[in-house]
């Protein structure tokens, strides 16, 4: 089983799980939408919001570190 996994790709799993954990903590773990199409849209908006949140935090850190 160990030989079947690429070490580079498998180590990316930790990053994915961390991001999902942070998103669940920030935005909650349940979706409000009922339809699959709107659930996908809601998840997309959550991803966009997470990326914007992360970007603003990095900008603020850069402003205060200089």
Protein backbone atom coordinates (compact mmCIF):
# COMPACT_ATOMS: atom_id res chain seq x y z
CA UNK A 1 0.00 0.00 0.00
CA UNK A 2 2.82 2.38 0.86
CA UNK A 3 4.39 2.06 -2.58
CA UNK A 4 1.15 3.05 -4.30
CA UNK A 5 1.13 6.64 -3.04
CA UNK A 6 3.18 9.50 -4.35
CA UNK A 7 4.86 11.12 -1.36
CA UNK A 8 4.55 14.61 -2.89
CA UNK A 9 0.82 14.31 -3.53
CA UNK A 10 -0.01 12.56 -0.28
CA UNK A 11 1.65 15.28 1.80
CA UNK A 12 -0.74 17.82 0.24
CA UNK A 13 -3.57 16.09 2.10
CA UNK A 14 -2.47 17.70 5.38
CA UNK A 15 -2.85 21.16 3.86
CA UNK A 16 -6.29 20.33 2.48
CA UNK A 17 -7.53 19.00 5.80
CA UNK A 18 -6.19 22.05 7.63
CA UNK A 19 -7.93 24.44 5.25
CA UNK A 20 -11.21 22.54 5.54
CA UNK A 21 -10.94 22.62 9.34
CA UNK A 22 -10.32 26.39 9.36
CA UNK A 23 -13.23 26.99 6.97
CA UNK A 24 -15.56 24.93 9.15
CA UNK A 25 -14.46 26.87 12.24
CA UNK A 26 -14.95 30.24 10.53
CA UNK A 27 -18.17 29.66 8.60
CA UNK A 28 -19.82 26.72 10.30
CA UNK A 29 -20.03 23.14 9.26
CA UNK A 30 -23.59 23.03 7.90
CA UNK A 31 -24.97 24.34 4.63
CA UNK A 32 -28.20 26.30 4.53
CA UNK A 33 -29.08 25.38 0.95
CA UNK A 34 -31.18 22.36 0.10
CA UNK A 35 -30.53 21.88 -3.60
CA UNK A 36 -27.22 20.43 -4.78
CA UNK A 37 -26.76 23.31 -7.22
CA UNK A 38 -27.16 25.95 -4.53
CA UNK A 39 -25.02 23.95 -2.08
CA UNK A 40 -22.21 23.98 -4.63
CA UNK A 41 -22.67 27.72 -5.05
CA UNK A 42 -22.64 28.22 -1.29
CA UNK A 43 -19.41 26.24 -0.99
CA UNK A 44 -17.86 28.27 -3.81
CA UNK A 45 -18.76 31.49 -2.01
CA UNK A 46 -17.29 30.14 1.21
CA UNK A 47 -14.03 29.34 -0.60
CA UNK A 48 -13.92 32.82 -2.11
CA UNK A 49 -14.66 34.37 1.28
CA UNK A 50 -11.94 32.27 2.93
CA UNK A 51 -9.40 33.38 0.30
CA UNK A 52 -10.38 37.04 0.77
CA UNK A 53 -10.12 36.66 4.55
CA UNK A 54 -6.68 35.13 4.21
CA UNK A 55 -5.52 37.80 1.78
CA UNK A 56 -6.66 40.66 4.01
CA UNK A 57 -4.90 39.09 7.02
CA UNK A 58 -1.68 38.79 5.02
CA UNK A 59 -1.92 42.40 3.84
CA UNK A 60 -2.50 43.62 7.39
CA UNK A 61 0.48 41.58 8.63
CA UNK A 62 2.70 43.00 5.89
CA UNK A 63 1.63 46.56 6.73
CA UNK A 64 2.52 46.21 10.40
CA UNK A 65 5.74 44.26 9.87
CA UNK A 66 7.45 46.99 7.83
